[in-house]
Amino acid sequence: MKIAVINGSPKGKYSITLQTVLYLERKYPEHQFCVLNAGQKIKALEKDFSEAKSLIESSDAVLFSYPVYTFLAPSQLHRFIELMKANGVETAGKFATQISTSKHFYDVTAHKYIEENSLDMGMKYIRGLSADMEDLLSDRGREDAEKFFDRFLWSVRESIYTVAPDGSKAFTAISATVPDGEFAKKSGKDIVIITDNTDPESNLSSMINRFRRVFGYETRIVNISEYALAGGCLGCFRCAVSEKCVYKDGFDTFLRENIQKADAIVYAFTVSDHSMGARFKMYDDRNFCNGHRTVTVGMPVGYLVSGNYSAENNLRTVIEARCETGGNFLSGVATDERETDKQIDSLAKSLQFALETGHTAPQNFWGVGGMKIFRDLIYQMRGMMRADHKFYKKQGIYDFPQKKFFTSMKMYLVGLLLSNEKILSKMGNKMNEGMLMPYNKLFREMDKKK
């Protein structure tokens, strides 16, 4: 596959983000990575865009690579995308994805910007990689980069990509038949579908039935409308110590034994009052018997949603954020707005891929930021929230910055250098080269092993 890498960093070859691309180029030599330093060359590209147009149109996929600047991609990459549209670059049907580096502060809005513009240009968008600036220098970071690219290649092969909303409120019918060659049913995995649906003739029922037919494993349904919940969460915090709910309806035990021990969860609901509905909210609130513990971390999840989901910006944010904070891989959201059968089939394939490969993705701003807030909260309230405190200690969540003494000392040194104009003028690109030294060392070691 020929991949056009649009490097949006104004630093060009000194971009930290680009190092992840160079790492993948070494790990996957069967694919061609063609780098265009668009951020650095933006003034020249404004005068002559022919080089960029030729590269993109001759490629099978476009990979946007950039650092997150102020909630979004750098202005140079914004301008490049404007030029792509103004010059009529033929991108329809090409695959698109992205790699960004940041400290995860609003990487979500930066990624959404690239996604939306890719869809504007008729591209088949596949979820990208949001990495910390130093992730590539750790075993976990390199594993995440490889998992991302493996999923990208799998998505291309299986034609799994984001469907652009068309703004229509007309819902599509769900087919009762299953195409030939769909997955044979397998055993050994427990997949639970949680719903509050009570209408067997509804679109949501048809969506659930379609998913169960095409999914590769047997599934079971838990209908929370049928469970005799005694009431909504009272916020009494008694479970913070005992891990048991004050209600005597047995829901805490049922939740842990019949839902949270599953291998994957699919939530199925109809949009109601810009939310999942009161019954689902009661179910969510009663999950607080687990406190702030991410007890299902690593579990893939999916959603079947009936209704005008594309117009519900807040609900879409809630769904993504709850997956990120909980450490769950969001395998997809299938709706009945358009191409419903395709969406459901894609969700089924993606969920099965995540189950069978153990696929996870690094957390974005919602997950990283949320856990830092909870980290500080639980530590401060550890005397009361004993169960949470014990869990956070065991999971190594207490990663306070004051523990990273040597990193702090290095930053003092960098601060001194940046504050001295004479030293800076003599250094030239030495600082950028110094930042790339550990990456160059990694690449030299990789090249020796070939």
Protein backbone atom coordinates (compact mmCIF):
# COMPACT_ATOMS: atom_id res chain seq x y z
CA MET A 1 0.00 0.00 0.00
CA LYS A 2 1.26 3.47 -0.86
CA ILE A 3 0.60 5.89 1.99
CA ALA A 4 0.89 9.66 1.61
CA VAL A 5 2.13 10.97 4.96
CA ILE A 6 1.12 14.61 5.40
CA ASN A 7 3.49 15.90 8.06
CA GLY A 8 1.71 18.95 9.46
CA SER A 9 4.44 19.89 11.93
CA PRO A 10 6.26 23.16 11.18
CA LYS A 11 9.43 21.42 12.41
CA GLY A 12 9.57 19.17 9.35
CA LYS A 13 12.01 16.28 9.83
CA TYR A 14 12.50 17.28 13.48
CA SER A 15 8.86 16.50 14.30
CA ILE A 16 8.41 14.15 17.25
CA THR A 17 5.16 12.88 15.72
CA LEU A 18 6.97 11.94 12.52
CA GLN A 19 9.18 9.55 14.49
CA THR A 20 6.19 7.26 15.01
CA VAL A 21 5.69 7.20 11.23
CA LEU A 22 9.37 6.37 10.72
CA TYR A 23 9.05 3.59 13.30
CA LEU A 24 6.07 2.10 11.44
CA GLU A 25 7.98 2.40 8.16
CA ARG A 26 10.67 0.12 9.60
CA LYS A 27 8.18 -2.31 11.15
CA TYR A 28 6.08 -2.62 7.98
CA PRO A 29 8.58 -2.48 5.07
CA GLU A 30 6.04 -4.02 2.69
CA HIS A 31 4.19 -0.68 2.66
CA GLN A 32 5.44 2.55 1.09
CA PHE A 33 5.41 5.64 3.32
CA CYS A 34 5.86 8.84 1.28
CA VAL A 35 6.42 11.84 3.58
CA LEU A 36 5.48 15.37 2.55
CA ASN A 37 6.65 17.99 5.07
CA ALA A 38 3.55 20.08 4.43
CA GLY A 39 3.73 22.14 7.62
CA GLN A 40 7.27 23.27 6.91
CA LYS A 41 6.71 23.88 3.18
CA ILE A 42 3.29 25.51 3.38
CA LYS A 43 4.39 28.81 1.79
CA ALA A 44 5.87 26.98 -1.20
CA LEU A 45 2.77 24.78 -1.48
CA GLU A 46 0.57 27.89 -1.63
CA LYS A 47 2.46 28.86 -4.82
CA ASP A 48 2.58 25.38 -6.35
CA PHE A 49 0.44 22.54 -5.02
CA SER A 50 1.17 20.12 -7.86
CA GLU A 51 3.66 17.98 -5.86
CA ALA A 52 1.16 17.43 -3.05
CA LYS A 53 -1.73 16.78 -5.42
CA SER A 54 0.26 14.22 -7.39
CA LEU A 55 1.38 12.40 -4.23
CA ILE A 56 -2.09 12.18 -2.72
CA GLU A 57 -3.83 11.14 -5.92
CA SER A 58 -1.26 8.38 -6.57
CA SER A 59 -1.57 6.99 -3.03
CA ASP A 60 -3.97 4.43 -1.60
CA ALA A 61 -4.25 6.15 1.77
CA VAL A 62 -3.51 9.47 3.46
CA LEU A 63 -1.98 9.62 6.93
CA PHE A 64 -2.07 13.02 8.64
CA SER A 65 0.80 13.36 11.13
CA TYR A 66 0.94 16.37 13.44
CA PRO A 67 1.36 17.73 16.97
CA VAL A 68 -1.78 19.05 18.68
CA TYR A 69 -1.67 22.85 18.87
CA THR A 70 -4.35 24.67 20.91
CA PHE A 71 -7.22 22.14 20.70
CA LEU A 72 -6.67 21.41 16.99
CA ALA A 73 -4.06 20.68 14.32
CA PRO A 74 -1.42 23.37 13.60
CA SER A 75 -2.47 26.30 11.40
CA GLN A 76 -0.12 25.06 8.67
CA LEU A 77 -2.08 21.83 8.41
CA HIS A 78 -5.34 23.80 8.38
CA ARG A 79 -4.01 25.73 5.42
CA PHE A 80 -2.90 22.53 3.68
CA ILE A 81 -6.41 21.09 3.95
CA GLU A 82 -7.82 24.34 2.54
CA LEU A 83 -5.41 23.94 -0.39
CA MET A 84 -6.45 20.31 -0.89
CA LYS A 85 -10.05 21.40 -1.30
CA ALA A 86 -9.24 24.49 -3.39
CA ASN A 87 -7.08 22.47 -5.81
CA GLY A 88 -9.71 19.78 -6.28
CA VAL A 89 -7.52 16.88 -5.17
CA GLU A 90 -9.21 13.58 -6.03
CA THR A 91 -9.52 11.87 -2.66
CA ALA A 92 -12.92 10.16 -2.92
CA GLY A 93 -12.69 6.53 -1.87
CA LYS A 94 -9.18 6.78 -0.43
CA PHE A 95 -8.55 5.68 3.13
CA ALA A 96 -7.52 8.30 5.68
CA THR A 97 -6.22 8.15 9.23
CA GLN A 98 -4.03 10.19 11.56
CA ILE A 99 -1.27 10.15 14.16
CA SER A 100 -0.89 12.96 16.67
CA THR A 101 1.37 13.57 19.64
CA SER A 102 0.45 15.74 22.61
CA LYS A 103 -0.03 15.59 26.35
CA HIS A 104 -3.61 14.53 25.56
CA PHE A 105 -5.09 17.96 26.24
CA TYR A 106 -8.05 18.12 23.83
CA ASP A 107 -6.55 15.70 21.36
CA VAL A 108 -10.19 14.64 20.84
CA THR A 109 -11.10 17.91 19.10
CA ALA A 110 -7.98 17.79 16.95
CA HIS A 111 -8.80 14.25 15.81
CA LYS A 112 -12.42 15.16 15.15
CA TYR A 113 -11.24 18.05 12.95
CA ILE A 114 -9.19 15.71 10.77
CA GLU A 115 -12.00 13.14 10.70
CA GLU A 116 -14.64 15.65 9.62
CA ASN A 117 -12.45 17.11 6.86
CA SER A 118 -11.56 13.63 5.62
CA LEU A 119 -15.26 12.82 5.37
CA ASP A 120 -15.89 16.16 3.63
CA MET A 121 -13.47 15.05 0.91
CA GLY A 122 -15.17 11.68 0.46
CA MET A 123 -12.44 9.70 2.17
CA LYS A 124 -12.91 6.49 4.13
CA TYR A 125 -11.80 7.55 7.59
CA ILE A 126 -10.30 5.05 10.06
CA ARG A 127 -9.72 5.98 13.70
CA GLY A 128 -6.20 7.26 14.32
CA LEU A 129 -3.56 7.13 17.05
CA SER A 130 -3.26 9.75 19.78
CA ALA A 131 0.10 9.28 21.47
CA ASP A 132 1.94 10.99 24.27
CA MET A 133 5.06 12.79 23.10
CA GLU A 134 7.40 10.16 24.62
CA ASP A 135 5.29 7.04 24.04
CA LEU A 136 7.50 5.69 21.26
CA LEU A 137 10.41 5.41 23.70
CA SER A 138 8.53 2.85 25.84
CA ASP A 139 7.61 -0.76 25.11
CA ARG A 140 3.93 0.04 25.69
CA GLY A 141 4.04 3.02 23.33
CA ARG A 142 5.61 1.00 20.52
CA GLU A 143 3.05 -1.76 21.08
CA ASP A 144 0.25 0.82 20.84
CA ALA A 145 1.68 2.16 17.57
CA GLU A 146 1.82 -1.33 16.08
CA LYS A 147 -1.69 -2.15 17.30
CA PHE A 148 -2.95 1.02 15.66
CA PHE A 149 -1.37 0.18 12.32
CA ASP A 150 -2.49 -3.46 12.47
CA ARG A 151 -6.05 -2.26 13.04
CA PHE A 152 -5.69 0.25 10.20
CA LEU A 153 -4.55 -2.49 7.79
CA TRP A 154 -7.32 -4.81 8.99
CA SER A 155 -9.90 -2.03 8.52
CA VAL A 156 -8.68 -1.46 4.96
CA ARG A 157 -8.90 -5.19 4.16
CA GLU A 158 -12.36 -5.52 5.70
CA SER A 159 -13.56 -2.13 4.42
CA ILE A 160 -14.43 -0.94 7.95
CA TYR A 161 -14.53 2.82 8.14
CA THR A 162 -16.53 5.77 9.47
CA VAL A 163 -19.76 6.52 7.63
CA ALA A 164 -20.36 10.23 7.08
CA PRO A 165 -23.75 11.51 8.31
CA ASP A 166 -25.96 12.83 5.52
CA GLY A 167 -28.08 15.13 7.68
CA SER A 168 -31.20 13.15 6.90
CA LYS A 169 -33.70 12.17 9.59
CA ALA A 170 -35.05 9.32 7.48
CA PHE A 171 -34.27 5.97 9.09
CA THR A 172 -33.37 2.90 7.03
CA ALA A 173 -34.91 -0.52 7.28
CA ILE A 174 -32.89 -3.37 8.74
CA SER A 175 -32.56 -6.49 6.65
CA ALA A 176 -33.87 -9.71 8.12
CA THR A 177 -31.48 -11.78 6.03
CA VAL A 178 -27.79 -12.43 6.56
CA PRO A 179 -25.39 -12.41 3.58
CA ASP A 180 -23.72 -15.68 2.67
CA GLY A 181 -20.29 -16.23 4.15
CA GLU A 182 -20.90 -14.45 7.44
CA PHE A 183 -19.11 -15.62 10.59
CA ALA A 184 -19.90 -19.09 11.88
CA LYS A 185 -20.84 -19.07 15.55
CA LYS A 186 -17.99 -19.73 17.95
CA SER A 187 -17.89 -20.54 21.65
CA GLY A 188 -15.57 -19.50 24.44
CA LYS A 189 -16.58 -15.84 24.68
CA ASP A 190 -19.36 -14.26 26.72
CA ILE A 191 -20.96 -11.27 24.97
CA VAL A 192 -23.83 -9.52 26.70
CA ILE A 193 -26.26 -7.10 25.05
CA ILE A 194 -27.74 -4.63 27.53
CA THR A 195 -30.97 -2.94 26.50
CA ASP A 196 -34.13 -1.37 27.88
CA ASN A 197 -36.15 -2.17 24.76
CA THR A 198 -39.71 -3.42 25.33
CA ASP A 199 -41.10 -3.21 21.77
CA PRO A 200 -40.39 -6.33 19.65
CA GLU A 201 -41.59 -4.47 16.54
CA SER A 202 -39.22 -1.51 16.96
CA ASN A 203 -36.25 -0.64 14.80
CA LEU A 204 -34.04 -1.29 17.81
CA SER A 205 -35.32 -4.88 18.08
CA SER A 206 -34.48 -5.41 14.42
CA MET A 207 -31.01 -3.96 14.96
CA ILE A 208 -30.38 -6.26 17.93
CA ASN A 209 -31.59 -9.28 15.94
CA ARG A 210 -29.41 -8.37 12.98
CA PHE A 211 -26.34 -8.00 15.20
CA ARG A 212 -26.94 -11.33 16.90
CA ARG A 213 -27.26 -13.07 13.53
CA VAL A 214 -24.08 -11.69 11.99
CA PHE A 215 -21.84 -11.68 15.08
CA GLY A 216 -19.35 -14.53 15.24
CA TYR A 217 -20.17 -15.62 18.79
CA GLU A 218 -23.29 -16.50 20.70
CA THR A 219 -24.75 -13.54 22.59
CA ARG A 220 -27.15 -13.11 25.49
CA ILE A 221 -29.50 -10.23 26.33
CA VAL A 222 -29.91 -8.51 29.68
CA ASN A 223 -33.01 -6.32 29.59
CA ILE A 224 -32.69 -3.77 32.37
CA SER A 225 -36.38 -2.90 32.04
CA GLU A 226 -37.14 -6.34 33.46
CA TYR A 227 -34.83 -6.06 36.47
CA ALA A 228 -36.62 -4.94 39.63
CA LEU A 229 -34.37 -2.01 40.52
CA ALA A 230 -35.50 -0.58 43.85
CA GLY A 231 -34.58 2.95 42.82
CA GLY A 232 -31.88 5.27 41.59
CA CYS A 233 -28.53 5.90 43.26
CA LEU A 234 -28.92 7.89 46.51
CA GLY A 235 -25.36 9.20 46.61
CA CYS A 236 -24.98 7.90 50.17
CA PHE A 237 -21.38 6.71 49.61
CA ARG A 238 -21.86 3.64 51.82
CA CYS A 239 -20.56 1.47 48.99
CA ALA A 240 -17.29 3.47 49.08
CA VAL A 241 -16.29 1.44 52.14
CA SER A 242 -18.31 -1.77 51.97
CA GLU A 243 -18.51 -2.15 48.12
CA LYS A 244 -22.18 -3.05 48.71
CA CYS A 245 -25.19 -0.98 47.69
CA VAL A 246 -27.56 0.23 50.41
CA TYR A 247 -30.47 -1.15 48.34
CA LYS A 248 -31.34 -4.79 49.03
CA ASP A 249 -32.44 -5.57 45.47
CA GLY A 250 -29.26 -7.55 44.70
CA PHE A 251 -28.30 -5.43 41.73
CA ASP A 252 -24.65 -5.00 42.80
CA THR A 253 -24.15 -8.77 42.83
CA PHE A 254 -26.09 -9.20 39.60
CA LEU A 255 -23.97 -6.51 37.93
CA ARG A 256 -20.68 -8.08 38.94
CA GLU A 257 -21.63 -11.69 38.26
CA ASN A 258 -23.84 -11.42 35.15
CA ILE A 259 -22.51 -8.37 33.31
CA GLN A 260 -19.02 -7.33 34.32
CA LYS A 261 -17.57 -10.82 34.00
CA ALA A 262 -18.49 -10.85 30.31
CA ASP A 263 -15.82 -10.54 27.60
CA ALA A 264 -17.64 -7.72 25.79
CA ILE A 265 -20.71 -5.53 26.21
CA VAL A 266 -23.02 -4.09 23.56
CA TYR A 267 -25.43 -1.36 24.68
CA ALA A 268 -28.66 -1.03 22.71
CA PHE A 269 -31.05 1.89 23.18
CA THR A 270 -33.30 4.41 21.45
CA VAL A 271 -32.39 8.09 21.74
CA SER A 272 -34.77 9.73 24.22
CA ASP A 273 -34.66 13.38 25.30
CA HIS A 274 -31.07 13.74 24.01
CA SER A 275 -29.98 10.81 26.16
CA MET A 276 -30.23 7.06 26.57
CA GLY A 277 -33.41 7.43 28.59
CA ALA A 278 -34.24 7.45 32.31
CA ARG A 279 -34.03 3.66 32.77
CA PHE A 280 -30.54 3.48 31.31
CA LYS A 281 -29.49 6.44 33.47
CA MET A 282 -30.72 4.63 36.56
CA TYR A 283 -28.72 1.58 35.49
CA ASP A 284 -25.61 3.75 34.96
CA ASP A 285 -25.99 5.48 38.31
CA ARG A 286 -26.40 2.19 40.14
CA ASN A 287 -23.03 1.12 38.68
CA PHE A 288 -21.57 3.41 41.35
CA CYS A 289 -21.50 0.38 43.64
CA ASN A 290 -18.08 -0.05 41.95
CA GLY A 291 -17.11 3.47 42.96
CA HIS A 292 -14.47 4.98 40.66
CA ARG A 293 -12.83 1.63 39.88
CA THR A 294 -12.34 0.76 36.22
CA VAL A 295 -13.30 -2.87 36.81
CA THR A 296 -13.95 -3.59 33.10
CA VAL A 297 -10.74 -2.00 31.78
CA GLY A 298 -9.62 -3.59 28.51
CA MET A 299 -13.11 -4.85 27.67
CA PRO A 300 -14.31 -3.91 24.16
CA VAL A 301 -17.76 -2.35 23.90
CA GLY A 302 -20.16 -1.41 21.12
CA TYR A 303 -23.43 0.47 20.70
CA LEU A 304 -26.64 -0.08 18.75
CA VAL A 305 -28.51 3.23 18.65
CA SER A 306 -31.91 3.92 17.14
CA GLY A 307 -32.72 7.59 16.50
CA ASN A 308 -31.16 10.76 15.14
CA TYR A 309 -27.79 10.01 16.73
CA SER A 310 -25.70 12.14 14.35
CA ALA A 311 -27.46 15.28 15.65
CA GLU A 312 -26.80 14.43 19.30
CA ASN A 313 -23.35 15.96 19.81
CA ASN A 314 -23.48 15.75 23.60
CA LEU A 315 -24.63 12.14 23.63
CA ARG A 316 -21.83 11.18 21.22
CA THR A 317 -19.33 12.85 23.56
CA VAL A 318 -20.76 10.99 26.58
CA ILE A 319 -20.43 7.62 24.84
CA GLU A 320 -16.85 8.21 23.76
CA ALA A 321 -15.83 9.71 27.09
CA ARG A 322 -17.28 6.89 29.18
CA CYS A 323 -15.37 4.33 27.09
CA GLU A 324 -12.15 6.31 27.35
CA THR A 325 -12.41 6.86 31.11
CA GLY A 326 -13.26 3.21 31.68
CA GLY A 327 -10.37 1.99 29.51
CA ASN A 328 -12.74 0.28 27.06
CA PHE A 329 -12.07 0.05 23.32
CA LEU A 330 -15.07 1.52 21.48
CA SER A 331 -15.58 -0.96 18.65
CA GLY A 332 -18.22 1.18 17.00
CA VAL A 333 -21.67 2.75 17.11
CA ALA A 334 -24.22 1.41 14.63
CA THR A 335 -27.32 3.54 13.99
CA ASP A 336 -30.45 3.26 11.88
CA GLU A 337 -29.91 6.60 10.14
CA ARG A 338 -28.33 5.22 6.97
CA GLU A 339 -26.69 2.05 5.64
CA THR A 340 -27.83 0.35 8.83
CA ASP A 341 -27.00 -3.21 7.76
CA LYS A 342 -23.46 -2.17 6.82
CA GLN A 343 -23.00 -0.34 10.12
CA ILE A 344 -24.21 -3.32 12.16
CA ASP A 345 -22.06 -5.76 10.19
CA SER A 346 -19.02 -3.48 10.62
CA LEU A 347 -19.64 -3.23 14.37
CA ALA A 348 -19.87 -7.02 14.58
CA LYS A 349 -16.59 -7.46 12.72
CA SER A 350 -14.80 -4.77 14.73
CA LEU A 351 -15.97 -6.17 18.06
CA GLN A 352 -14.88 -9.68 17.07
CA PHE A 353 -11.49 -8.31 15.95
CA ALA A 354 -11.00 -6.63 19.34
CA LEU A 355 -12.07 -9.78 21.20
CA GLU A 356 -9.77 -12.09 19.31
CA THR A 357 -6.70 -9.84 19.18
CA GLY A 358 -7.03 -8.19 22.59
CA HIS A 359 -6.96 -4.85 20.80
CA THR A 360 -6.85 -1.72 22.92
CA ALA A 361 -6.00 1.90 22.15
CA PRO A 362 -4.22 4.54 24.26
CA GLN A 363 -6.60 6.85 26.08
CA ASN A 364 -7.31 10.30 24.69
CA PHE A 365 -8.11 13.51 26.60
CA TRP A 366 -11.37 12.15 28.02
CA GLY A 367 -9.64 9.11 29.49
CA VAL A 368 -6.32 10.65 30.54
CA GLY A 369 -7.90 13.81 31.97
CA GLY A 370 -10.71 11.92 33.67
CA MET A 371 -8.37 9.50 35.40
CA LYS A 372 -6.09 12.30 36.61
CA ILE A 373 -9.10 13.99 38.22
CA PHE A 374 -10.15 10.72 39.87
CA ARG A 375 -6.55 9.97 40.86
CA ASP A 376 -6.34 13.19 42.86
CA LEU A 377 -9.87 12.84 44.24
CA ILE A 378 -9.44 9.29 45.51
CA TYR A 379 -6.04 10.02 47.02
CA GLN A 380 -7.47 13.00 48.90
CA MET A 381 -10.51 10.99 50.07
CA ARG A 382 -8.70 7.66 50.57
CA GLY A 383 -9.72 7.52 54.22
CA MET A 384 -13.36 7.16 53.15
CA MET A 385 -13.08 5.63 49.67
CA ARG A 386 -11.06 2.66 50.88
CA ALA A 387 -12.03 0.25 48.11
CA ASP A 388 -11.13 2.78 45.42
CA HIS A 389 -7.84 3.64 47.16
CA LYS A 390 -6.83 -0.01 47.34
CA PHE A 391 -7.67 -0.48 43.65
CA TYR A 392 -5.78 2.65 42.54
CA LYS A 393 -2.66 1.60 44.47
CA LYS A 394 -2.74 -1.88 42.95
CA GLN A 395 -3.23 -0.55 39.41
CA GLY A 396 -0.43 2.04 39.72
CA ILE A 397 -2.79 4.93 39.02
CA TYR A 398 -1.06 7.17 41.57
CA ASP A 399 1.50 8.46 39.02
CA PHE A 400 1.94 11.89 40.59
CA PRO A 401 4.34 14.20 38.70
CA GLN A 402 6.38 14.98 41.81
CA LYS A 403 7.59 11.39 41.68
CA LYS A 404 9.39 12.09 38.37
CA PHE A 405 12.36 13.93 39.88
CA PHE A 406 14.84 13.50 37.02
CA THR A 407 12.32 14.66 34.42
CA SER A 408 11.74 17.81 36.46
CA MET A 409 15.49 18.46 36.66
CA LYS A 410 15.84 18.08 32.89
CA MET A 411 13.09 20.63 32.36
CA TYR A 412 14.94 23.11 34.60
CA LEU A 413 17.99 22.69 32.37
CA VAL A 414 15.94 23.16 29.19
CA GLY A 415 14.35 26.26 30.73
CA LEU A 416 17.77 27.77 31.38
CA LEU A 417 18.83 27.15 27.79
CA LEU A 418 15.66 28.67 26.35
CA SER A 419 16.07 31.79 28.47
CA ASN A 420 19.57 32.56 27.11
CA GLU A 421 19.48 34.16 23.65
CA LYS A 422 23.26 33.85 23.10
CA ILE A 423 23.24 30.12 23.76
CA LEU A 424 20.18 29.65 21.57
CA SER A 425 21.75 31.51 18.64
CA LYS A 426 24.83 29.26 18.78
CA MET A 427 22.84 26.06 19.15
CA GLY A 428 20.88 26.32 15.91
CA ASN A 429 19.08 22.99 15.48
CA LYS A 430 21.12 21.27 18.21
CA MET A 431 18.14 21.29 20.58
CA ASN A 432 15.86 19.66 18.00
CA GLU A 433 18.59 17.13 17.21
CA GLY A 434 19.00 16.44 20.92
CA MET A 435 15.28 15.77 21.27
CA LEU A 436 15.52 13.20 18.46
CA MET A 437 18.58 11.42 19.88
CA PRO A 438 16.64 8.69 21.75
CA TYR A 439 14.50 8.08 18.64
CA ASN A 440 17.56 7.82 16.41
CA LYS A 441 19.05 5.34 18.88
CA LEU A 442 15.87 3.26 18.69
CA PHE A 443 16.00 3.28 14.87
CA ARG A 444 19.68 2.28 14.80
CA GLU A 445 18.89 -0.70 17.02
CA MET A 446 15.97 -1.67 14.78
CA ASP A 447 18.17 -1.43 11.66
CA LYS A 448 20.84 -3.67 13.24
CA LYS A 449 18.29 -6.42 13.81
CA LYS A 450 17.32 -6.58 10.13
